[in-house]
Amino acid sequence: MSSSDTIQRILFEEANIRGVVSRLNSSFTAVMERNEYPPVIRQLLGEMLAAVTLMSATLKFDGRLILQAQGEGSVRLLMAECSHHHQVRGIARLEGELPNTQTFIDLFQSGRLALTIEPSKGQRYQGVVPMESGSLAACLEDYFSRSEQLPTRIKLACDGRQAAGMLLQVLPATENSGEDWTRISFLADTLTTEELLSLDNEAMLYRLFHEEKCRLYEPQALEFSCDCSKERCEKALQLVGQEELLQAIQEQGGVIKVDCQFCNQIYVFDRQDILSLAPLENAKSKTLH
């Protein structure tokens, strides 16, 4: 498929509406092969990955966009990230048995959805909404309605082997887009899951919007990547304090192992490594978020 592992932006030139289409194939496989997830979790995490790539394309910033779904049931966390370099990663954390009725609401009891922007420079921003709708796409549409006041339509799909998504949104600070939005969002609602997963972007947009003046921008490549490193682990260990780390080394057979749950990379620190870490000022007063 020509549109595999790409993000492509869309502009409706006469309607003050923008859009994005994303597809994840090998990048989706790279995320999933690092952990064994049940089929329903593979599907939902795939939708999360598609969603975060769509939303990243609507922002202009250097850093990363993080989408988290948290609940109090057996699915504790689904997390997907996309950087401004279009590098993605994702993870799920489960606790106990999944319920027999595996609807979206059942999986996320008392759930909440958080969207976090972490710029390379500047302040971190996070928006949170309760997960009260029957699908991830509907929850995200609710988020944009509440936080941005932007009419938004999101379509997400994942079959366990690939993931895809489409986002349509009224351009910020535009007026008189009501009729255009009603027409275009109605057309978008005719898109089936099978079409979203099987049609390439050009064919899909022609199928939906062949009567609209619609521009499809050049695709941008997506790829799996994890930015963990031994240096980042060292910074995290510095927050704990040297005395506690030396005690942990003694209890754990002479080394501390720090593993990245996104990519399964393991970083090993021995006593000499810990002694060589420069202590942070007021380390114990710092809090990890």
Protein backbone atom coordinates (compact mmCIF):
# COMPACT_ATOMS: atom_id res chain seq x y z
CA MET A 1 0.00 0.00 0.00
CA SER A 2 1.47 3.34 -1.08
CA SER A 3 0.18 5.12 2.03
CA SER A 4 1.78 2.75 4.57
CA ASP A 5 3.47 4.28 7.62
CA THR A 6 2.65 7.86 6.68
CA ILE A 7 0.85 10.99 7.81
CA GLN A 8 -0.80 13.12 5.13
CA ARG A 9 -2.49 16.44 5.75
CA ILE A 10 -5.64 17.48 3.87
CA LEU A 11 -7.01 20.93 3.17
CA PHE A 12 -10.51 21.71 1.90
CA GLU A 13 -9.66 24.90 0.05
CA GLU A 14 -13.19 26.29 -0.17
CA ALA A 15 -14.52 25.07 3.16
CA ASN A 16 -12.15 26.28 5.96
CA ILE A 17 -11.71 22.67 7.05
CA ARG A 18 -8.51 20.72 7.49
CA GLY A 19 -7.82 17.04 7.85
CA VAL A 20 -5.21 14.37 8.41
CA VAL A 21 -4.93 10.72 7.40
CA SER A 22 -2.45 8.36 9.03
CA ARG A 23 -1.55 4.71 8.50
CA LEU A 24 0.69 2.46 10.57
CA ASN A 25 1.93 -0.86 9.26
CA SER A 26 5.55 -1.74 10.11
CA SER A 27 5.53 0.91 12.87
CA PHE A 28 2.45 -0.78 14.39
CA THR A 29 4.16 -4.18 14.16
CA ALA A 30 7.28 -2.79 15.84
CA VAL A 31 5.24 -1.58 18.83
CA MET A 32 3.27 -4.82 19.19
CA GLU A 33 6.15 -7.29 18.84
CA ARG A 34 7.77 -6.01 22.02
CA ASN A 35 4.91 -7.19 24.24
CA GLU A 36 2.26 -9.88 24.01
CA TYR A 37 -1.15 -8.23 24.23
CA PRO A 38 -4.63 -9.79 23.94
CA PRO A 39 -6.38 -9.02 20.61
CA VAL A 40 -8.69 -6.38 22.09
CA ILE A 41 -5.70 -4.52 23.56
CA ARG A 42 -3.82 -4.70 20.25
CA GLN A 43 -6.85 -3.13 18.60
CA LEU A 44 -7.25 -0.34 21.14
CA LEU A 45 -3.53 0.44 21.30
CA GLY A 46 -3.49 0.56 17.50
CA GLU A 47 -6.32 3.08 17.58
CA MET A 48 -4.38 5.09 20.17
CA LEU A 49 -1.32 5.14 17.92
CA ALA A 50 -3.38 6.25 14.93
CA ALA A 51 -5.07 8.93 17.02
CA VAL A 52 -1.88 10.45 18.43
CA THR A 53 -0.31 10.66 14.98
CA LEU A 54 -3.40 12.43 13.63
CA MET A 55 -3.40 14.99 16.42
CA SER A 56 0.36 15.56 16.21
CA ALA A 57 -0.11 16.75 12.62
CA THR A 58 -2.43 19.56 13.75
CA LEU A 59 0.22 21.04 16.07
CA LYS A 60 3.33 23.05 15.30
CA PHE A 61 5.90 22.38 18.00
CA ASP A 62 9.15 20.57 18.72
CA GLY A 63 8.64 17.85 21.27
CA ARG A 64 6.22 15.00 21.78
CA LEU A 65 2.48 14.47 22.00
CA ILE A 66 1.32 11.84 24.50
CA LEU A 67 -2.15 10.28 24.59
CA GLN A 68 -3.07 8.30 27.71
CA ALA A 69 -6.22 6.37 28.58
CA GLN A 70 -6.35 5.43 32.27
CA GLY A 71 -8.93 3.40 34.16
CA GLU A 72 -9.56 1.60 37.42
CA GLY A 73 -10.44 -1.76 35.86
CA SER A 74 -8.20 -4.44 34.40
CA VAL A 75 -6.82 -2.02 31.81
CA ARG A 76 -4.83 0.43 33.87
CA LEU A 77 -3.15 2.36 31.08
CA LEU A 78 -2.88 2.67 27.34
CA MET A 79 -0.26 5.15 26.18
CA ALA A 80 0.79 6.27 22.71
CA GLU A 81 3.34 8.92 21.79
CA CYS A 82 4.34 10.73 18.61
CA SER A 83 7.24 13.15 18.29
CA HIS A 84 7.59 16.07 15.89
CA HIS A 85 9.90 13.77 13.92
CA HIS A 86 6.88 11.42 13.47
CA GLN A 87 8.44 8.73 15.64
CA VAL A 88 5.91 6.65 17.56
CA ARG A 89 5.86 4.27 20.48
CA GLY A 90 3.14 2.82 22.72
CA ILE A 91 2.46 0.58 25.69
CA ALA A 92 -0.38 -1.03 27.65
CA ARG A 93 -0.48 -1.93 31.33
CA LEU A 94 -2.94 -4.58 32.42
CA GLU A 95 -3.91 -5.88 35.84
CA GLY A 96 -5.91 -9.08 36.29
CA GLU A 97 -8.29 -10.71 33.85
CA LEU A 98 -10.05 -8.75 31.14
CA PRO A 99 -13.85 -8.67 31.51
CA ASN A 100 -15.91 -11.04 29.37
CA THR A 101 -17.76 -8.11 27.79
CA GLN A 102 -14.86 -6.21 26.30
CA THR A 103 -16.55 -2.99 25.25
CA PHE A 104 -14.63 0.24 25.46
CA ILE A 105 -16.51 1.37 28.57
CA ASP A 106 -16.08 -2.00 30.30
CA LEU A 107 -12.34 -1.93 29.79
CA PHE A 108 -11.95 1.56 31.28
CA GLN A 109 -13.96 1.75 34.47
CA SER A 110 -14.03 5.34 35.78
CA GLY A 111 -11.70 6.13 32.91
CA ARG A 112 -10.15 9.42 31.91
CA LEU A 113 -8.34 10.53 28.78
CA ALA A 114 -5.27 12.77 28.97
CA LEU A 115 -3.56 14.58 26.12
CA THR A 116 -0.13 15.94 27.00
CA ILE A 117 2.09 18.25 24.97
CA GLU A 118 5.74 18.07 26.01
CA PRO A 119 7.68 20.71 24.06
CA SER A 120 11.44 20.45 23.80
CA LYS A 121 11.52 23.91 25.35
CA GLY A 122 8.85 25.55 27.43
CA GLN A 123 6.08 24.39 29.70
CA ARG A 124 4.27 21.08 29.59
CA TYR A 125 0.53 21.23 28.91
CA GLN A 126 -2.07 18.59 29.72
CA GLY A 127 -5.79 18.39 29.10
CA VAL A 128 -7.97 15.72 30.76
CA VAL A 129 -11.57 14.64 30.07
CA PRO A 130 -13.63 11.76 31.50
CA MET A 131 -14.12 8.80 29.20
CA GLU A 132 -17.89 8.82 28.92
CA SER A 133 -18.39 7.85 25.28
CA GLY A 134 -18.53 4.41 23.69
CA SER A 135 -15.32 4.61 21.65
CA LEU A 136 -11.91 6.23 21.70
CA ALA A 137 -12.78 8.33 18.65
CA ALA A 138 -15.94 9.66 20.34
CA CYS A 139 -13.98 10.49 23.52
CA LEU A 140 -11.44 12.46 21.49
CA GLU A 141 -14.18 14.33 19.65
CA ASP A 142 -15.59 15.20 23.09
CA TYR A 143 -12.13 16.42 24.16
CA PHE A 144 -11.88 18.82 21.22
CA SER A 145 -15.44 20.02 21.82
CA ARG A 146 -14.73 20.77 25.48
CA SER A 147 -11.16 22.06 25.37
CA GLU A 148 -10.76 23.62 21.92
CA GLN A 149 -14.36 24.33 20.90
CA LEU A 150 -13.49 22.99 17.46
CA PRO A 151 -15.95 20.75 15.60
CA THR A 152 -13.98 17.56 14.97
CA ARG A 153 -14.67 14.20 13.37
CA ILE A 154 -12.32 11.27 14.03
CA LYS A 155 -12.37 7.82 12.45
CA LEU A 156 -10.07 5.10 13.84
CA ALA A 157 -9.52 1.48 12.85
CA CYS A 158 -7.20 -1.40 13.70
CA ASP A 159 -7.43 -5.07 12.74
CA GLY A 160 -4.55 -6.33 14.87
CA ARG A 161 -2.07 -6.08 11.99
CA GLN A 162 -2.30 -2.42 11.00
CA ALA A 163 -3.92 0.78 12.19
CA ALA A 164 -5.34 3.81 10.41
CA GLY A 165 -7.19 7.00 11.17
CA MET A 166 -8.72 10.14 9.70
CA LEU A 167 -9.31 13.46 11.44
CA LEU A 168 -11.37 16.34 10.07
CA GLN A 169 -11.62 19.66 11.87
CA VAL A 170 -12.88 23.18 11.34
CA LEU A 171 -9.95 25.57 11.08
CA PRO A 172 -9.44 27.68 14.22
CA ALA A 173 -10.79 31.24 14.16
CA THR A 174 -12.98 30.71 11.10
CA GLU A 175 -16.61 31.66 10.69
CA ASN A 176 -19.52 30.60 8.51
CA SER A 177 -18.29 27.01 8.22
CA GLY A 178 -21.49 25.43 9.56
CA GLU A 179 -22.98 24.27 6.27
CA ASP A 180 -19.62 23.09 4.94
CA TRP A 181 -18.94 21.18 8.13
CA THR A 182 -22.35 19.51 8.11
CA ARG A 183 -21.82 18.33 4.55
CA ILE A 184 -18.22 17.15 4.88
CA SER A 185 -18.68 15.44 8.25
CA PHE A 186 -21.75 13.65 6.85
CA LEU A 187 -19.64 12.34 3.97
CA ALA A 188 -16.90 11.26 6.39
CA ASP A 189 -19.43 9.25 8.39
CA THR A 190 -20.05 7.04 5.34
CA LEU A 191 -16.47 5.73 5.54
CA THR A 192 -16.38 2.10 6.67
CA THR A 193 -13.71 0.46 8.81
CA GLU A 194 -12.78 -1.81 5.91
CA GLU A 195 -12.32 1.16 3.57
CA LEU A 196 -10.21 3.04 6.09
CA LEU A 197 -7.88 0.06 6.43
CA SER A 198 -7.77 -1.09 2.80
CA LEU A 199 -7.98 1.97 0.53
CA ASP A 200 -4.93 4.12 -0.10
CA ASN A 201 -5.32 7.78 0.79
CA GLU A 202 -5.96 9.06 -2.72
CA ALA A 203 -8.65 6.46 -3.41
CA MET A 204 -10.29 7.03 -0.03
CA LEU A 205 -10.48 10.80 -0.43
CA TYR A 206 -11.84 10.46 -3.95
CA ARG A 207 -14.45 8.03 -2.68
CA LEU A 208 -15.55 10.49 0.01
CA PHE A 209 -14.92 13.98 -1.32
CA HIS A 210 -14.67 13.86 -5.12
CA GLU A 211 -17.06 16.83 -5.37
CA GLU A 212 -14.97 18.95 -2.98
CA LYS A 213 -11.87 21.00 -3.78
CA CYS A 214 -9.56 18.95 -1.60
CA ARG A 215 -5.76 19.13 -1.49
CA LEU A 216 -3.70 16.17 -0.26
CA TYR A 217 -0.22 17.19 0.87
CA GLU A 218 2.92 15.13 0.44
CA PRO A 219 3.13 12.19 2.88
CA GLN A 220 5.46 12.28 5.87
CA ALA A 221 6.99 9.00 7.02
CA LEU A 222 6.12 7.41 10.35
CA GLU A 223 8.43 5.04 12.21
CA PHE A 224 8.76 3.31 15.54
CA SER A 225 11.47 4.76 17.76
CA CYS A 226 12.19 4.82 21.47
CA ASP A 227 14.23 7.66 22.93
CA CYS A 228 15.30 5.83 26.07
CA SER A 229 19.02 5.93 26.89
CA LYS A 230 21.42 5.16 29.70
CA GLU A 231 21.81 8.90 30.26
CA ARG A 232 18.07 9.33 30.84
CA CYS A 233 18.10 6.39 33.25
CA GLU A 234 20.99 8.01 35.11
CA LYS A 235 18.97 11.20 35.54
CA ALA A 236 16.07 9.19 36.94
CA LEU A 237 18.36 7.35 39.35
CA GLN A 238 19.85 10.62 40.55
CA LEU A 239 16.43 11.58 41.85
CA VAL A 240 16.46 8.59 44.20
CA GLY A 241 19.67 9.39 46.03
CA GLN A 242 22.98 7.54 46.26
CA GLU A 243 22.44 5.94 49.67
CA GLU A 244 19.19 4.28 48.64
CA LEU A 245 20.68 3.13 45.34
CA LEU A 246 23.68 1.50 47.04
CA GLN A 247 21.29 -0.28 49.39
CA ALA A 248 19.28 -1.52 46.40
CA ILE A 249 22.45 -2.81 44.69
CA GLN A 250 23.34 -4.79 47.78
CA GLU A 251 19.85 -6.33 47.91
CA GLN A 252 19.75 -7.13 44.19
CA GLY A 253 23.01 -9.02 43.78
CA GLY A 254 25.37 -6.21 42.89
CA VAL A 255 23.53 -4.40 40.10
CA ILE A 256 20.42 -2.33 39.43
CA LYS A 257 18.55 -3.10 36.22
CA VAL A 258 16.38 -0.45 34.62
CA ASP A 259 14.22 -1.72 31.76
CA CYS A 260 12.32 0.34 29.20
CA GLN A 261 8.83 -1.07 28.84
CA PHE A 262 8.42 0.57 25.42
CA CYS A 263 11.31 -1.23 23.71
CA ASN A 264 12.50 -3.82 26.30
CA GLN A 265 16.01 -2.36 26.40
CA ILE A 266 17.70 -3.12 29.75
CA TYR A 267 20.26 -0.77 31.31
CA VAL A 268 22.51 -2.20 34.02
CA PHE A 269 24.19 -0.12 36.75
CA ASP A 270 26.77 -1.49 39.20
CA ARG A 271 28.20 0.05 42.37
CA GLN A 272 30.85 2.02 40.47
CA ASP A 273 28.21 3.46 38.14
CA ILE A 274 26.18 4.67 41.11
CA LEU A 275 29.20 6.19 42.85
CA SER A 276 30.07 8.09 39.67
CA LEU A 277 26.64 9.73 39.44
CA ALA A 278 26.73 13.40 40.36
CA PRO A 279 24.10 13.98 43.08
CA LEU A 280 21.27 16.38 42.31
CA GLU A 281 20.60 19.23 44.70
CA ASN A 282 17.51 18.59 46.80
CA ALA A 283 17.07 15.25 45.04
CA LYS A 284 14.62 13.94 47.58
CA SER A 285 12.35 16.95 47.19
CA LYS A 286 11.90 16.38 43.46
CA THR A 287 8.88 14.56 42.12
CA LEU A 288 8.61 12.52 38.95
CA HIS A 289 5.51 13.15 36.84
